Amino acid sequence: MDTDGLIVVDKPAGMTSHDVVARIRRLARTRRVGHGGTLDPMATGVLIIGVNRATRLLTYVIGSEKSYLGTIRLGETTVTDDAEGDVTATVPAGAVTDEAIRAGLAAQTGEIDQVPSAVSAIKIKGERAYKRVRDGETVEIPARRITVHRLDVLDIRRPEGRDVIDVDVDVTCSSGTYIRAIARDLGATLGVGGHLTALRRTAVGEMALDAAATLAELEERAPDVIGLPLSEAARRAFPHRTASEDETRILRHGGPLGSVGIEGPYAVFDPAGEVLAIVSEREGRARAEIVLAPA
């Protein structure tokens, strides 16, 4: 059994990303397990798990663009900017037009400066922001430059008997984007407040829900739970090339290869199709950032 690889998990609601890591550690019978990008407990969908040597790929997975389906509720503000927090304000939203909603979301596309949600895992002076908020502090987090590549409105619904509006959206964005901050900022722009009521991550880079397994499905496979063996995972996650026999020997011993003009980090495979390393080109040479070939 190949015990080095990535697992695309369809995370259920109510679990933290660390809960999922703990479950995979038990199923794969190894402590060397990590995840490639936190999902809030309320959220479901794609969570990339690395096992053994594949944990070294997670740095790159975390930086990949991500896609989500979400629902924004206008007319209610919460302390967490999502449905997990207490409602702190309600404002009738019925007069807000569909055109104003679309315009407010359009203003949040492209490169923007976004202030992350105060109840988040971001560290402020060495302590998680959410802990400071729970301790009664007012937390101010500096804005960060993020990119919203696509923000499509799928539906605008006005629940009968309630003065709120629910907006279904499809978002593709850079790493570090908070979808609940998009909901918060849309509500602020429209003057009625807003928060996120549902979130499902549909893709991380090239790895999408169609490749995901539920925890129940992984339980049935245990201990053979690896979804993408290491070489296949590297092939899907990176540009790549194949090394010659001589180049393979050089790379296995930590030496540099000649430049081939591939931008960004890329994977190098041996002639048999096994991944050797992730390399980057600098000053005409390709040098390993991480070596993945077994010693």
Protein backbone atom coordinates (compact mmCIF):
# COMPACT_ATOMS: atom_id res chain seq x y z
CA MET A 1 0.00 0.00 0.00
CA ASP A 2 1.26 3.49 -0.93
CA THR A 3 0.96 5.46 2.30
CA ASP A 4 2.19 8.77 0.86
CA GLY A 5 -0.44 10.88 -0.83
CA LEU A 6 -3.27 13.39 -0.76
CA ILE A 7 -6.84 12.72 0.27
CA VAL A 8 -9.63 14.95 -1.02
CA VAL A 9 -12.16 14.89 1.80
CA ASP A 10 -15.75 16.13 1.57
CA LYS A 11 -15.78 17.69 5.04
CA PRO A 12 -19.11 17.50 6.87
CA ALA A 13 -20.63 20.43 8.76
CA GLY A 14 -19.89 20.61 12.48
CA MET A 15 -16.29 19.38 12.34
CA THR A 16 -13.13 21.47 12.45
CA SER A 17 -10.34 20.84 9.96
CA HIS A 18 -8.26 19.52 12.89
CA ASP A 19 -11.05 17.06 13.72
CA VAL A 20 -10.74 15.66 10.20
CA VAL A 21 -6.95 15.42 10.50
CA ALA A 22 -7.35 13.46 13.74
CA ARG A 23 -9.78 11.06 12.05
CA ILE A 24 -7.42 10.48 9.11
CA ARG A 25 -4.49 9.86 11.47
CA ARG A 26 -6.47 7.01 12.99
CA LEU A 27 -7.63 5.62 9.64
CA ALA A 28 -4.21 5.83 7.94
CA ARG A 29 -2.39 4.65 11.08
CA THR A 30 0.16 7.46 11.01
CA ARG A 31 0.74 10.68 12.92
CA ARG A 32 2.19 12.45 9.88
CA VAL A 33 -1.01 14.03 8.58
CA GLY A 34 -1.89 17.67 7.84
CA HIS A 35 -4.45 19.75 5.95
CA GLY A 36 -4.11 22.26 3.11
CA GLY A 37 -6.33 25.16 4.14
CA THR A 38 -8.76 25.51 7.05
CA LEU A 39 -12.52 25.21 6.62
CA ASP A 40 -14.75 26.69 9.33
CA PRO A 41 -16.86 24.14 11.26
CA MET A 42 -20.05 25.38 9.53
CA ALA A 43 -18.55 24.86 6.06
CA THR A 44 -18.58 21.66 4.04
CA GLY A 45 -16.72 20.46 0.99
CA VAL A 46 -13.17 20.07 -0.28
CA LEU A 47 -10.50 19.73 2.40
CA ILE A 48 -7.13 18.48 1.16
CA ILE A 49 -5.35 16.12 3.56
CA GLY A 50 -1.69 15.16 3.16
CA VAL A 51 -0.32 11.90 4.51
CA ASN A 52 3.35 11.17 5.24
CA ARG A 53 5.66 12.60 2.53
CA ALA A 54 2.71 14.33 0.83
CA THR A 55 2.41 16.70 3.79
CA ARG A 56 5.30 18.55 2.14
CA LEU A 57 2.98 19.46 -0.77
CA LEU A 58 0.51 21.21 1.52
CA THR A 59 2.40 24.51 1.51
CA TYR A 60 1.62 24.75 -2.19
CA VAL A 61 -1.98 23.49 -1.79
CA ILE A 62 -2.69 26.22 0.79
CA GLY A 63 -1.70 28.87 -1.75
CA SER A 64 -3.97 27.54 -4.52
CA GLU A 65 -7.08 29.41 -5.63
CA LYS A 66 -10.32 28.09 -4.20
CA SER A 67 -13.96 27.91 -5.28
CA TYR A 68 -17.09 28.06 -3.12
CA LEU A 69 -20.86 27.99 -3.19
CA GLY A 70 -22.35 30.14 -0.46
CA THR A 71 -25.52 31.82 0.77
CA ILE A 72 -25.51 35.39 2.09
CA ARG A 73 -28.37 36.59 4.29
CA LEU A 74 -29.02 40.31 4.15
CA GLY A 75 -30.82 42.01 7.04
CA GLU A 76 -29.01 40.31 9.91
CA THR A 77 -25.52 40.88 11.34
CA THR A 78 -23.72 38.32 13.52
CA VAL A 79 -20.62 38.52 15.70
CA THR A 80 -18.81 35.93 13.55
CA ASP A 81 -20.13 37.10 10.15
CA ASP A 82 -21.69 33.66 9.73
CA ALA A 83 -24.56 31.61 11.12
CA GLU A 84 -22.47 30.22 13.99
CA GLY A 85 -22.44 33.56 15.83
CA ASP A 86 -25.13 35.39 17.74
CA VAL A 87 -27.20 37.95 15.84
CA THR A 88 -26.11 41.43 16.90
CA ALA A 89 -28.38 43.58 14.70
CA THR A 90 -31.40 43.26 12.41
CA VAL A 91 -32.44 45.79 9.76
CA PRO A 92 -35.40 45.33 7.36
CA ALA A 93 -33.93 44.39 3.97
CA GLY A 94 -37.05 44.14 1.83
CA ALA A 95 -36.44 47.45 0.04
CA VAL A 96 -33.00 46.42 -1.24
CA THR A 97 -33.18 45.82 -4.99
CA ASP A 98 -31.66 42.96 -6.94
CA GLU A 99 -29.66 45.53 -8.92
CA ALA A 100 -28.13 46.97 -5.74
CA ILE A 101 -27.15 43.47 -4.57
CA ARG A 102 -25.45 42.67 -7.88
CA ALA A 103 -23.65 46.01 -7.90
CA GLY A 104 -22.47 45.53 -4.32
CA LEU A 105 -21.00 42.15 -5.16
CA ALA A 106 -19.45 43.39 -8.41
CA ALA A 107 -17.55 45.95 -6.33
CA GLN A 108 -15.91 43.06 -4.47
CA THR A 109 -14.42 41.41 -7.55
CA GLY A 110 -10.86 41.71 -8.83
CA GLU A 111 -7.98 42.74 -6.56
CA ILE A 112 -9.40 44.24 -3.38
CA ASP A 113 -8.31 45.01 0.17
CA GLN A 114 -10.37 42.84 2.50
CA VAL A 115 -10.49 43.01 6.29
CA PRO A 116 -10.70 39.41 7.58
CA SER A 117 -13.45 38.51 10.02
CA ALA A 118 -12.58 39.39 13.61
CA VAL A 119 -13.53 35.90 14.78
CA SER A 120 -10.82 34.13 12.82
CA ALA A 121 -7.61 32.19 13.38
CA ILE A 122 -5.41 35.13 12.36
CA LYS A 123 -2.84 35.96 15.03
CA ILE A 124 -2.84 39.45 16.54
CA LYS A 125 0.22 40.07 18.74
CA GLY A 126 0.81 36.35 19.00
CA GLU A 127 -2.75 35.36 19.94
CA ARG A 128 -5.60 34.12 17.76
CA ALA A 129 -8.11 36.84 16.93
CA TYR A 130 -11.08 34.67 17.90
CA LYS A 131 -9.66 34.19 21.41
CA ARG A 132 -9.25 37.93 21.88
CA VAL A 133 -12.86 38.49 20.78
CA ARG A 134 -14.12 35.80 23.16
CA ASP A 135 -12.17 37.48 25.96
CA GLY A 136 -14.13 40.67 25.30
CA GLU A 137 -11.53 42.61 23.35
CA THR A 138 -12.28 44.73 20.30
CA VAL A 139 -10.03 43.34 17.60
CA GLU A 140 -8.87 45.35 14.60
CA ILE A 141 -7.30 43.26 11.84
CA PRO A 142 -5.49 45.08 9.03
CA ALA A 143 -6.83 44.69 5.50
CA ARG A 144 -5.12 42.22 3.19
CA ARG A 145 -4.89 42.29 -0.60
CA ILE A 146 -6.82 39.37 -2.06
CA THR A 147 -8.23 38.56 -5.50
CA VAL A 148 -11.81 37.53 -6.23
CA HIS A 149 -11.51 36.05 -9.71
CA ARG A 150 -15.22 35.36 -10.12
CA LEU A 151 -18.29 36.19 -8.04
CA ASP A 152 -21.52 35.06 -9.73
CA VAL A 153 -25.01 35.57 -8.31
CA LEU A 154 -26.93 32.30 -8.74
CA ASP A 155 -30.20 33.29 -7.08
CA ILE A 156 -31.80 36.05 -5.00
CA ARG A 157 -34.57 34.79 -2.70
CA ARG A 158 -36.96 36.68 -0.45
CA PRO A 159 -38.32 34.25 2.18
CA GLU A 160 -42.03 34.70 2.76
CA GLY A 161 -42.92 36.33 6.08
CA ARG A 162 -39.38 37.55 6.78
CA ASP A 163 -37.75 40.90 5.96
CA VAL A 164 -34.46 39.31 4.88
CA ILE A 165 -32.93 38.43 1.52
CA ASP A 166 -30.92 35.28 0.76
CA VAL A 167 -28.34 35.51 -2.02
CA ASP A 168 -26.73 32.37 -3.46
CA VAL A 169 -23.25 32.98 -4.87
CA ASP A 170 -20.51 31.07 -6.70
CA VAL A 171 -17.02 32.39 -5.90
CA THR A 172 -13.51 31.63 -7.12
CA CYS A 173 -10.83 33.50 -5.20
CA SER A 174 -7.24 33.61 -4.05
CA SER A 175 -5.96 32.00 -0.90
CA GLY A 176 -6.70 34.11 2.19
CA THR A 177 -10.13 35.30 1.04
CA TYR A 178 -12.92 35.20 3.64
CA ILE A 179 -16.30 34.50 2.04
CA ARG A 180 -18.03 35.57 5.26
CA ALA A 181 -16.22 38.91 4.96
CA ILE A 182 -17.77 39.27 1.50
CA ALA A 183 -21.18 38.71 3.12
CA ARG A 184 -20.41 41.21 5.91
CA ASP A 185 -19.17 43.86 3.50
CA LEU A 186 -22.13 43.45 1.13
CA GLY A 187 -24.50 44.00 4.07
CA ALA A 188 -22.53 47.04 5.17
CA THR A 189 -22.57 48.53 1.66
CA LEU A 190 -26.34 48.09 1.43
CA GLY A 191 -26.91 49.42 4.96
CA VAL A 192 -28.80 46.36 6.22
CA GLY A 193 -26.04 44.09 7.53
CA GLY A 194 -25.28 40.60 6.32
CA HIS A 195 -23.76 37.27 7.21
CA LEU A 196 -23.04 33.91 5.64
CA THR A 197 -25.59 31.14 6.28
CA ALA A 198 -24.08 28.33 4.18
CA LEU A 199 -20.69 27.59 2.61
CA ARG A 200 -19.46 24.68 0.52
CA ARG A 201 -15.94 24.59 -0.92
CA THR A 202 -16.13 23.03 -4.36
CA ALA A 203 -12.47 23.07 -5.42
CA VAL A 204 -8.90 23.72 -4.26
CA GLY A 205 -6.73 24.28 -7.32
CA GLU A 206 -7.36 21.35 -9.66
CA MET A 207 -8.85 19.14 -6.93
CA ALA A 208 -12.64 19.31 -6.84
CA LEU A 209 -15.65 17.65 -5.25
CA ASP A 210 -15.83 14.98 -7.96
CA ALA A 211 -12.62 13.52 -6.51
CA ALA A 212 -13.71 13.85 -2.86
CA ALA A 213 -14.66 11.09 -0.44
CA THR A 214 -16.75 11.38 2.68
CA LEU A 215 -15.36 10.26 6.03
CA ALA A 216 -17.79 7.34 5.97
CA GLU A 217 -16.35 6.22 2.62
CA LEU A 218 -12.83 6.55 3.95
CA GLU A 219 -13.78 4.48 7.01
CA GLU A 220 -14.80 1.67 4.65
CA ARG A 221 -11.42 1.81 2.86
CA ALA A 222 -9.24 1.99 5.99
CA PRO A 223 -6.32 1.63 6.29
CA ASP A 224 -5.99 2.07 2.49
CA VAL A 225 -7.44 5.59 2.51
CA ILE A 226 -5.10 7.41 0.10
CA GLY A 227 -7.05 9.03 -2.70
CA LEU A 228 -4.19 10.47 -4.78
CA PRO A 229 -0.82 8.67 -4.45
CA LEU A 230 2.11 11.06 -4.15
CA SER A 231 3.17 11.06 -7.81
CA GLU A 232 -0.38 11.47 -9.10
CA ALA A 233 -1.02 14.26 -6.59
CA ALA A 234 2.12 16.11 -7.76
CA ARG A 235 1.14 15.63 -11.39
CA ARG A 236 -2.29 17.17 -10.78
CA ALA A 237 -1.09 20.00 -8.55
CA PHE A 238 1.94 21.28 -10.52
CA PRO A 239 3.32 21.88 -13.98
CA HIS A 240 5.82 19.08 -14.54
CA ARG A 241 8.56 17.57 -16.65
CA THR A 242 10.42 14.26 -16.83
CA ALA A 243 14.13 14.04 -16.01
CA SER A 244 16.66 11.90 -17.84
CA GLU A 245 18.51 9.13 -16.01
CA ASP A 246 21.51 11.43 -15.49
CA GLU A 247 19.29 14.27 -14.25
CA THR A 248 17.52 11.86 -11.91
CA ARG A 249 20.81 10.91 -10.26
CA ILE A 250 21.81 14.57 -9.90
CA LEU A 251 18.48 15.58 -8.37
CA ARG A 252 18.42 12.64 -5.97
CA HIS A 253 21.75 13.88 -4.59
CA GLY A 254 20.51 17.45 -4.20
CA GLY A 255 22.20 18.88 -7.27
CA PRO A 256 20.66 21.47 -9.65
CA LEU A 257 19.30 20.81 -13.13
CA GLY A 258 19.41 23.01 -16.19
CA SER A 259 16.64 25.54 -16.73
CA VAL A 260 13.81 24.60 -19.11
CA GLY A 261 11.79 27.83 -18.79
CA ILE A 262 8.83 26.61 -16.72
CA GLU A 263 7.44 29.41 -14.54
CA GLY A 264 6.80 28.90 -10.84
CA PRO A 265 7.42 25.74 -8.83
CA TYR A 266 7.05 22.55 -10.87
CA ALA A 267 7.36 18.82 -10.32
CA VAL A 268 10.14 16.71 -11.78
CA PHE A 269 9.52 13.01 -12.44
CA ASP A 270 11.97 10.20 -13.08
CA PRO A 271 11.72 8.15 -16.31
CA ALA A 272 9.50 5.60 -14.52
CA GLY A 273 6.96 8.29 -13.64
CA GLU A 274 7.74 8.68 -9.94
CA VAL A 275 7.98 12.20 -8.55
CA LEU A 276 11.48 13.27 -7.52
CA ALA A 277 11.17 16.85 -6.33
CA ILE A 278 9.43 20.19 -6.55
CA VAL A 279 11.84 22.67 -8.12
CA SER A 280 12.03 26.36 -8.99
CA GLU A 281 14.24 28.00 -11.60
CA ARG A 282 16.61 30.77 -10.58
CA GLU A 283 19.61 32.20 -12.42
CA GLY A 284 19.43 29.60 -15.16
CA ARG A 285 19.28 26.59 -12.83
CA ALA A 286 16.44 24.46 -11.48
CA ARG A 287 16.94 23.82 -7.78
CA ALA A 288 14.89 21.61 -5.52
CA GLU A 289 12.57 23.30 -3.03
CA ILE A 290 11.57 19.94 -1.61
CA VAL A 291 12.92 16.46 -2.47
CA LEU A 292 10.18 13.83 -2.47
CA ALA A 293 12.09 10.79 -3.73
CA PRO A 294 12.65 8.22 -0.95
CA ALA A 295 16.15 8.29 0.51
